[in-house]
PDB file of all heavy atoms in Angstrom:
ATOM      1  N   MET A   1      97.222 111.047 113.002  1.00  0.00           N
ATOM      2  CA  MET A   1      96.853 110.609 114.325  1.00  0.00           C
ATOM      3  C   MET A   1      96.250 111.673 115.196  1.00  0.00           C
ATOM      4  O   MET A   1      95.200 111.512 115.858  1.00  0.00           O
ATOM      5  CB  MET A   1      97.955 109.862 115.037  1.00  0.00           C
ATOM      6  CG  MET A   1      98.282 108.517 114.533  1.00  0.00           C
ATOM      7  SD  MET A   1      96.945 107.310 114.910  1.00  0.00           S
ATOM      8  CE  MET A   1      97.023 107.319 116.678  1.00  0.00           C
ATOM      9  N   ALA A   2      96.941 112.822 115.158  1.00  0.00           N
ATOM     10  CA  ALA A   2      96.437 113.979 115.950  1.00  0.00           C
ATOM     11  C   ALA A   2      95.098 114.420 115.529  1.00  0.00           C
ATOM     12  O   ALA A   2      94.193 114.846 116.296  1.00  0.00           O
ATOM     13  CB  ALA A   2      97.495 115.117 115.885  1.00  0.00           C
ATOM     14  N   HIS A   3      94.884 114.365 114.183  1.00  0.00           N
ATOM     15  CA  HIS A   3      93.551 114.765 113.677  1.00  0.00           C
ATOM     16  C   HIS A   3      92.494 113.766 114.065  1.00  0.00           C
ATOM     17  O   HIS A   3      91.372 114.213 114.503  1.00  0.00           O
ATOM     18  CB  HIS A   3      93.679 114.758 112.098  1.00  0.00           C
ATOM     19  CG  HIS A   3      92.326 115.221 111.445  1.00  0.00           C
ATOM     20  ND1 HIS A   3      91.974 116.504 111.317  1.00  0.00           N
ATOM     21  CD2 HIS A   3      91.368 114.478 110.873  1.00  0.00           C
ATOM     22  CE1 HIS A   3      90.800 116.589 110.688  1.00  0.00           C
ATOM     23  NE2 HIS A   3      90.422 115.316 110.429  1.00  0.00           N
ATOM     24  N   MET A   4      92.816 112.498 114.091  1.00  0.00           N
ATOM     25  CA  MET A   4      91.854 111.548 114.518  1.00  0.00           C
ATOM     26  C   MET A   4      91.472 111.743 116.034  1.00  0.00           C
ATOM     27  O   MET A   4      90.379 111.663 116.445  1.00  0.00           O
ATOM     28  CB  MET A   4      92.420 110.122 114.361  1.00  0.00           C
ATOM     29  CG  MET A   4      92.486 109.633 112.922  1.00  0.00           C
ATOM     30  SD  MET A   4      93.078 107.883 112.908  1.00  0.00           S
ATOM     31  CE  MET A   4      93.124 107.572 111.169  1.00  0.00           C
ATOM     32  N   GLN A   5      92.568 111.957 116.837  1.00  0.00           N
ATOM     33  CA  GLN A   5      92.307 112.130 118.257  1.00  0.00           C
ATOM     34  C   GLN A   5      91.438 113.334 118.539  1.00  0.00           C
ATOM     35  O   GLN A   5      90.634 113.381 119.477  1.00  0.00           O
ATOM     36  CB  GLN A   5      93.677 112.314 118.985  1.00  0.00           C
ATOM     37  CG  GLN A   5      94.542 111.070 119.023  1.00  0.00           C
ATOM     38  CD  GLN A   5      94.132 110.054 119.988  1.00  0.00           C
ATOM     39  OE1 GLN A   5      93.128 110.287 120.753  1.00  0.00           O
ATOM     40  NE2 GLN A   5      94.775 108.915 120.063  1.00  0.00           N
ATOM     41  N   ALA A   6      91.592 114.395 117.731  1.00  0.00           N
ATOM     42  CA  ALA A   6      90.849 115.636 117.955  1.00  0.00           C
ATOM     43  C   ALA A   6      89.447 115.571 117.400  1.00  0.00           C
ATOM     44  O   ALA A   6      88.546 116.328 117.880  1.00  0.00           O
ATOM     45  CB  ALA A   6      91.606 116.788 117.327  1.00  0.00           C
ATOM     46  N   HIS A   7      89.227 114.732 116.359  1.00  0.00           N
ATOM     47  CA  HIS A   7      87.939 114.736 115.666  1.00  0.00           C
ATOM     48  C   HIS A   7      87.308 113.372 115.553  1.00  0.00           C
ATOM     49  O   HIS A   7      86.407 113.173 114.678  1.00  0.00           O
ATOM     50  CB  HIS A   7      88.134 115.323 114.249  1.00  0.00           C
ATOM     51  CG  HIS A   7      88.723 116.722 114.216  1.00  0.00           C
ATOM     52  ND1 HIS A   7      88.015 117.870 114.424  1.00  0.00           N
ATOM     53  CD2 HIS A   7      90.049 117.098 114.016  1.00  0.00           C
ATOM     54  CE1 HIS A   7      88.776 118.906 114.334  1.00  0.00           C
ATOM     55  NE2 HIS A   7      89.985 118.497 114.052  1.00  0.00           N
ATOM     56  N   TYR A   8      87.619 112.476 116.470  1.00  0.00           N
ATOM     57  CA  TYR A   8      87.065 111.108 116.355  1.00  0.00           C
ATOM     58  C   TYR A   8      85.543 111.079 116.456  1.00  0.00           C
ATOM     59  O   TYR A   8      84.897 110.117 116.012  1.00  0.00           O
ATOM     60  CB  TYR A   8      87.644 110.185 117.412  1.00  0.00           C
ATOM     61  CG  TYR A   8      87.373 110.588 118.863  1.00  0.00           C
ATOM     62  CD1 TYR A   8      86.128 110.276 119.466  1.00  0.00           C
ATOM     63  CD2 TYR A   8      88.327 111.271 119.625  1.00  0.00           C
ATOM     64  CE1 TYR A   8      85.870 110.652 120.794  1.00  0.00           C
ATOM     65  CE2 TYR A   8      88.066 111.599 120.913  1.00  0.00           C
ATOM     66  CZ  TYR A   8      86.825 111.285 121.487  1.00  0.00           C
ATOM     67  OH  TYR A   8      86.621 111.639 122.821  1.00  0.00           O
ATOM     68  N   GLY A   9      84.925 112.085 117.031  1.00  0.00           N
ATOM     69  CA  GLY A   9      83.403 112.122 117.194  1.00  0.00           C
ATOM     70  C   GLY A   9      82.732 112.594 115.844  1.00  0.00           C
ATOM     71  O   GLY A   9      81.538 112.576 115.768  1.00  0.00           O
ATOM     72  N   GLU A  10      83.552 112.974 114.888  1.00  0.00           N
ATOM     73  CA  GLU A  10      83.012 113.464 113.629  1.00  0.00           C
ATOM     74  C   GLU A  10      83.170 112.446 112.519  1.00  0.00           C
ATOM     75  O   GLU A  10      83.884 111.454 112.671  1.00  0.00           O
ATOM     76  CB  GLU A  10      83.729 114.733 113.203  1.00  0.00           C
ATOM     77  CG  GLU A  10      83.704 115.794 114.310  1.00  0.00           C
ATOM     78  CD  GLU A  10      84.685 116.944 113.940  1.00  0.00           C
ATOM     79  OE1 GLU A  10      85.123 117.061 112.836  1.00  0.00           O
ATOM     80  OE2 GLU A  10      85.008 117.718 114.877  1.00  0.00           O
ATOM     81  N   THR A  11      82.526 112.678 111.351  1.00  0.00           N
ATOM     82  CA  THR A  11      82.767 111.856 110.190  1.00  0.00           C
ATOM     83  C   THR A  11      84.183 112.119 109.667  1.00  0.00           C
ATOM     84  O   THR A  11      84.462 113.249 109.325  1.00  0.00           O
ATOM     85  CB  THR A  11      81.733 112.081 109.074  1.00  0.00           C
ATOM     86  OG1 THR A  11      80.399 111.804 109.628  1.00  0.00           O
ATOM     87  CG2 THR A  11      81.948 111.239 107.905  1.00  0.00           C
ATOM     88  N   ILE A  12      84.971 111.088 109.565  1.00  0.00           N
ATOM     89  CA  ILE A  12      86.360 111.209 109.053  1.00  0.00           C
ATOM     90  C   ILE A  12      86.537 110.299 107.864  1.00  0.00           C
ATOM     91  O   ILE A  12      86.341 109.108 107.953  1.00  0.00           O
ATOM     92  CB  ILE A  12      87.407 110.877 110.124  1.00  0.00           C
ATOM     93  CG1 ILE A  12      87.263 111.760 111.329  1.00  0.00           C
ATOM     94  CG2 ILE A  12      88.803 110.875 109.538  1.00  0.00           C
ATOM     95  CD1 ILE A  12      88.260 111.472 112.466  1.00  0.00           C
ATOM     96  N   ARG A  13      86.893 110.886 106.715  1.00  0.00           N
ATOM     97  CA  ARG A  13      87.099 110.094 105.518  1.00  0.00           C
ATOM     98  C   ARG A  13      88.525 109.915 105.205  1.00  0.00           C
ATOM     99  O   ARG A  13      89.364 110.728 105.497  1.00  0.00           O
ATOM    100  CB  ARG A  13      86.424 110.845 104.334  1.00  0.00           C
ATOM    101  CG  ARG A  13      84.904 111.139 104.575  1.00  0.00           C
ATOM    102  CD  ARG A  13      84.177 111.562 103.303  1.00  0.00           C
ATOM    103  NE  ARG A  13      82.795 111.961 103.580  1.00  0.00           N
ATOM    104  CZ  ARG A  13      81.836 111.038 103.813  1.00  0.00           C
ATOM    105  NH1 ARG A  13      82.106 109.774 103.682  1.00  0.00           N
ATOM    106  NH2 ARG A  13      80.599 111.445 104.098  1.00  0.00           N
ATOM    107  N   VAL A  14      88.836 108.689 104.692  1.00  0.00           N
ATOM    108  CA  VAL A  14      90.188 108.360 104.419  1.00  0.00           C
ATOM    109  C   VAL A  14      90.892 109.282 103.477  1.00  0.00           C
ATOM    110  O   VAL A  14      92.070 109.526 103.538  1.00  0.00           O
ATOM    111  CB  VAL A  14      90.320 106.881 103.959  1.00  0.00           C
ATOM    112  CG1 VAL A  14      89.749 106.685 102.616  1.00  0.00           C
ATOM    113  CG2 VAL A  14      91.744 106.375 104.008  1.00  0.00           C
ATOM    114  N   HIS A  15      90.088 109.820 102.461  1.00  0.00           N
ATOM    115  CA  HIS A  15      90.696 110.772 101.493  1.00  0.00           C
ATOM    116  C   HIS A  15      91.134 112.023 102.233  1.00  0.00           C
ATOM    117  O   HIS A  15      92.203 112.578 101.841  1.00  0.00           O
ATOM    118  CB  HIS A  15      89.634 111.130 100.454  1.00  0.00           C
ATOM    119  CG  HIS A  15      89.394 110.053  99.443  1.00  0.00           C
ATOM    120  ND1 HIS A  15      88.443 109.051  99.662  1.00  0.00           N
ATOM    121  CD2 HIS A  15      89.995 109.736  98.278  1.00  0.00           C
ATOM    122  CE1 HIS A  15      88.488 108.209  98.635  1.00  0.00           C
ATOM    123  NE2 HIS A  15      89.367 108.610  97.781  1.00  0.00           N
ATOM    124  N   THR A  16      90.390 112.445 103.253  1.00  0.00           N
ATOM    125  CA  THR A  16      90.785 113.661 104.035  1.00  0.00           C
ATOM    126  C   THR A  16      92.156 113.357 104.729  1.00  0.00           C
ATOM    127  O   THR A  16      93.029 114.232 104.779  1.00  0.00           O
ATOM    128  CB  THR A  16      89.722 114.065 105.037  1.00  0.00           C
ATOM    129  OG1 THR A  16      88.508 114.241 104.347  1.00  0.00           O
ATOM    130  CG2 THR A  16      90.155 115.265 105.817  1.00  0.00           C
ATOM    131  N   LEU A  17      92.239 112.157 105.333  1.00  0.00           N
ATOM    132  CA  LEU A  17      93.457 111.827 106.027  1.00  0.00           C
ATOM    133  C   LEU A  17      94.660 111.734 105.062  1.00  0.00           C
ATOM    134  O   LEU A  17      95.754 112.173 105.436  1.00  0.00           O
ATOM    135  CB  LEU A  17      93.247 110.426 106.753  1.00  0.00           C
ATOM    136  CG  LEU A  17      92.162 110.393 107.773  1.00  0.00           C
ATOM    137  CD1 LEU A  17      92.052 108.998 108.309  1.00  0.00           C
ATOM    138  CD2 LEU A  17      92.363 111.396 108.878  1.00  0.00           C
ATOM    139  N   ALA A  18      94.381 111.186 103.891  1.00  0.00           N
ATOM    140  CA  ALA A  18      95.511 111.111 102.949  1.00  0.00           C
ATOM    141  C   ALA A  18      95.980 112.468 102.519  1.00  0.00           C
ATOM    142  O   ALA A  18      97.233 112.711 102.414  1.00  0.00           O
ATOM    143  CB  ALA A  18      95.021 110.354 101.677  1.00  0.00           C
ATOM    144  N   GLU A  19      95.071 113.377 102.272  1.00  0.00           N
ATOM    145  CA  GLU A  19      95.451 114.784 101.938  1.00  0.00           C
ATOM    146  C   GLU A  19      96.211 115.423 103.005  1.00  0.00           C
ATOM    147  O   GLU A  19      97.214 116.176 102.834  1.00  0.00           O
ATOM    148  CB  GLU A  19      94.199 115.556 101.599  1.00  0.00           C
ATOM    149  CG  GLU A  19      93.533 115.200 100.328  1.00  0.00           C
ATOM    150  CD  GLU A  19      92.216 115.905 100.092  1.00  0.00           C
ATOM    151  OE1 GLU A  19      91.831 116.744 101.015  1.00  0.00           O
ATOM    152  OE2 GLU A  19      91.513 115.663  99.096  1.00  0.00           O
ATOM    153  N   LEU A  20      95.806 115.122 104.298  1.00  0.00           N
ATOM    154  CA  LEU A  20      96.488 115.769 105.459  1.00  0.00           C
ATOM    155  C   LEU A  20      97.979 115.267 105.510  1.00  0.00           C
ATOM    156  O   LEU A  20      98.828 116.033 105.905  1.00  0.00           O
ATOM    157  CB  LEU A  20      95.760 115.346 106.763  1.00  0.00           C
ATOM    158  CG  LEU A  20      96.223 116.025 108.043  1.00  0.00           C
ATOM    159  CD1 LEU A  20      96.075 117.497 108.005  1.00  0.00           C
ATOM    160  CD2 LEU A  20      95.429 115.448 109.168  1.00  0.00           C
ATOM    161  N   ALA A  21      98.160 114.025 105.084  1.00  0.00           N
ATOM    162  CA  ALA A  21      99.533 113.480 105.138  1.00  0.00           C
ATOM    163  C   ALA A  21     100.323 113.758 103.851  1.00  0.00           C
ATOM    164  O   ALA A  21     101.553 113.432 103.801  1.00  0.00           O
ATOM    165  CB  ALA A  21      99.410 111.938 105.332  1.00  0.00           C
ATOM    166  N   GLY A  22      99.655 114.288 102.874  1.00  0.00           N
ATOM    167  CA  GLY A  22     100.323 114.506 101.550  1.00  0.00           C
ATOM    168  C   GLY A  22     100.583 113.204 100.827  1.00  0.00           C
ATOM    169  O   GLY A  22     101.627 113.098 100.136  1.00  0.00           O
ATOM    170  N   LEU A  23      99.713 112.168 100.972  1.00  0.00           N
ATOM    171  CA  LEU A  23      99.882 110.908 100.385  1.00  0.00           C
ATOM    172  C   LEU A  23      98.627 110.540  99.632  1.00  0.00           C
ATOM    173  O   LEU A  23      97.521 111.065  99.806  1.00  0.00           O
ATOM    174  CB  LEU A  23     100.181 109.848 101.437  1.00  0.00           C
ATOM    175  CG  LEU A  23     101.425 110.083 102.338  1.00  0.00           C
ATOM    176  CD1 LEU A  23     101.339 109.126 103.561  1.00  0.00           C
ATOM    177  CD2 LEU A  23     102.707 109.826 101.568  1.00  0.00           C
ATOM    178  N   SER A  24      98.843 109.518  98.704  1.00  0.00           N
ATOM    179  CA  SER A  24      97.589 108.982  98.095  1.00  0.00           C
ATOM    180  C   SER A  24      96.963 108.032  99.102  1.00  0.00           C
ATOM    181  O   SER A  24      97.580 107.624 100.134  1.00  0.00           O
ATOM    182  CB  SER A  24      97.996 108.172  96.846  1.00  0.00           C
ATOM    183  OG  SER A  24      98.754 107.013  97.191  1.00  0.00           O
ATOM    184  N   VAL A  25      95.763 107.632  98.874  1.00  0.00           N
ATOM    185  CA  VAL A  25      95.056 106.677  99.817  1.00  0.00           C
ATOM    186  C   VAL A  25      95.841 105.373  99.897  1.00  0.00           C
ATOM    187  O   VAL A  25      95.991 104.821 100.959  1.00  0.00           O
ATOM    188  CB  VAL A  25      93.588 106.468  99.271  1.00  0.00           C
ATOM    189  CG1 VAL A  25      92.956 105.341 100.097  1.00  0.00           C
ATOM    190  CG2 VAL A  25      92.739 107.699  99.407  1.00  0.00           C
ATOM    191  N   ALA A  26      96.306 104.903  98.754  1.00  0.00           N
ATOM    192  CA  ALA A  26      97.046 103.633  98.785  1.00  0.00           C
ATOM    193  C   ALA A  26      98.357 103.724  99.589  1.00  0.00           C
ATOM    194  O   ALA A  26      98.695 102.856 100.320  1.00  0.00           O
ATOM    195  CB  ALA A  26      97.360 103.194  97.355  1.00  0.00           C
ATOM    196  N   GLN A  27      98.997 104.900  99.435  1.00  0.00           N
ATOM    197  CA  GLN A  27     100.300 105.139 100.204  1.00  0.00           C
ATOM    198  C   GLN A  27      99.976 105.219 101.667  1.00  0.00           C
ATOM    199  O   GLN A  27     100.693 104.678 102.521  1.00  0.00           O
ATOM    200  CB  GLN A  27     100.926 106.413  99.743  1.00  0.00           C
ATOM    201  CG  GLN A  27     101.564 106.306  98.352  1.00  0.00           C
ATOM    202  CD  GLN A  27     102.079 107.693  97.876  1.00  0.00           C
ATOM    203  OE1 GLN A  27     101.488 108.715  98.137  1.00  0.00           O
ATOM    204  NE2 GLN A  27     103.216 107.604  97.142  1.00  0.00           N
ATOM    205  N   LEU A  28      98.858 105.923 101.987  1.00  0.00           N
ATOM    206  CA  LEU A  28      98.470 106.107 103.443  1.00  0.00           C
ATOM    207  C   LEU A  28      98.242 104.707 104.041  1.00  0.00           C
ATOM    208  O   LEU A  28      98.682 104.437 105.190  1.00  0.00           O
ATOM    209  CB  LEU A  28      97.259 106.971 103.559  1.00  0.00           C
ATOM    210  CG  LEU A  28      96.786 107.281 104.939  1.00  0.00           C
ATOM    211  CD1 LEU A  28      97.748 108.290 105.592  1.00  0.00           C
ATOM    212  CD2 LEU A  28      95.282 107.814 104.949  1.00  0.00           C
ATOM    213  N   GLU A  29      97.433 103.896 103.315  1.00  0.00           N
ATOM    214  CA  GLU A  29      97.203 102.533 103.860  1.00  0.00           C
ATOM    215  C   GLU A  29      98.460 101.779 104.054  1.00  0.00           C
ATOM    216  O   GLU A  29      98.607 101.085 105.110  1.00  0.00           O
ATOM    217  CB  GLU A  29      96.275 101.747 102.781  1.00  0.00           C
ATOM    218  CG  GLU A  29      94.921 102.395 102.636  1.00  0.00           C
ATOM    219  CD  GLU A  29      93.885 101.779 103.564  1.00  0.00           C
ATOM    220  OE1 GLU A  29      94.210 100.826 104.303  1.00  0.00           O
ATOM    221  OE2 GLU A  29      92.801 102.322 103.605  1.00  0.00           O
TER     222      GLU A  29
END
């Protein structure tokens, strides 16, 4: 969430978010 808040103006991919959380995409969802 902090990453989204700081970078919402940029292209954000779900794979990047999953890596940030240390989860698979399915787990993140």
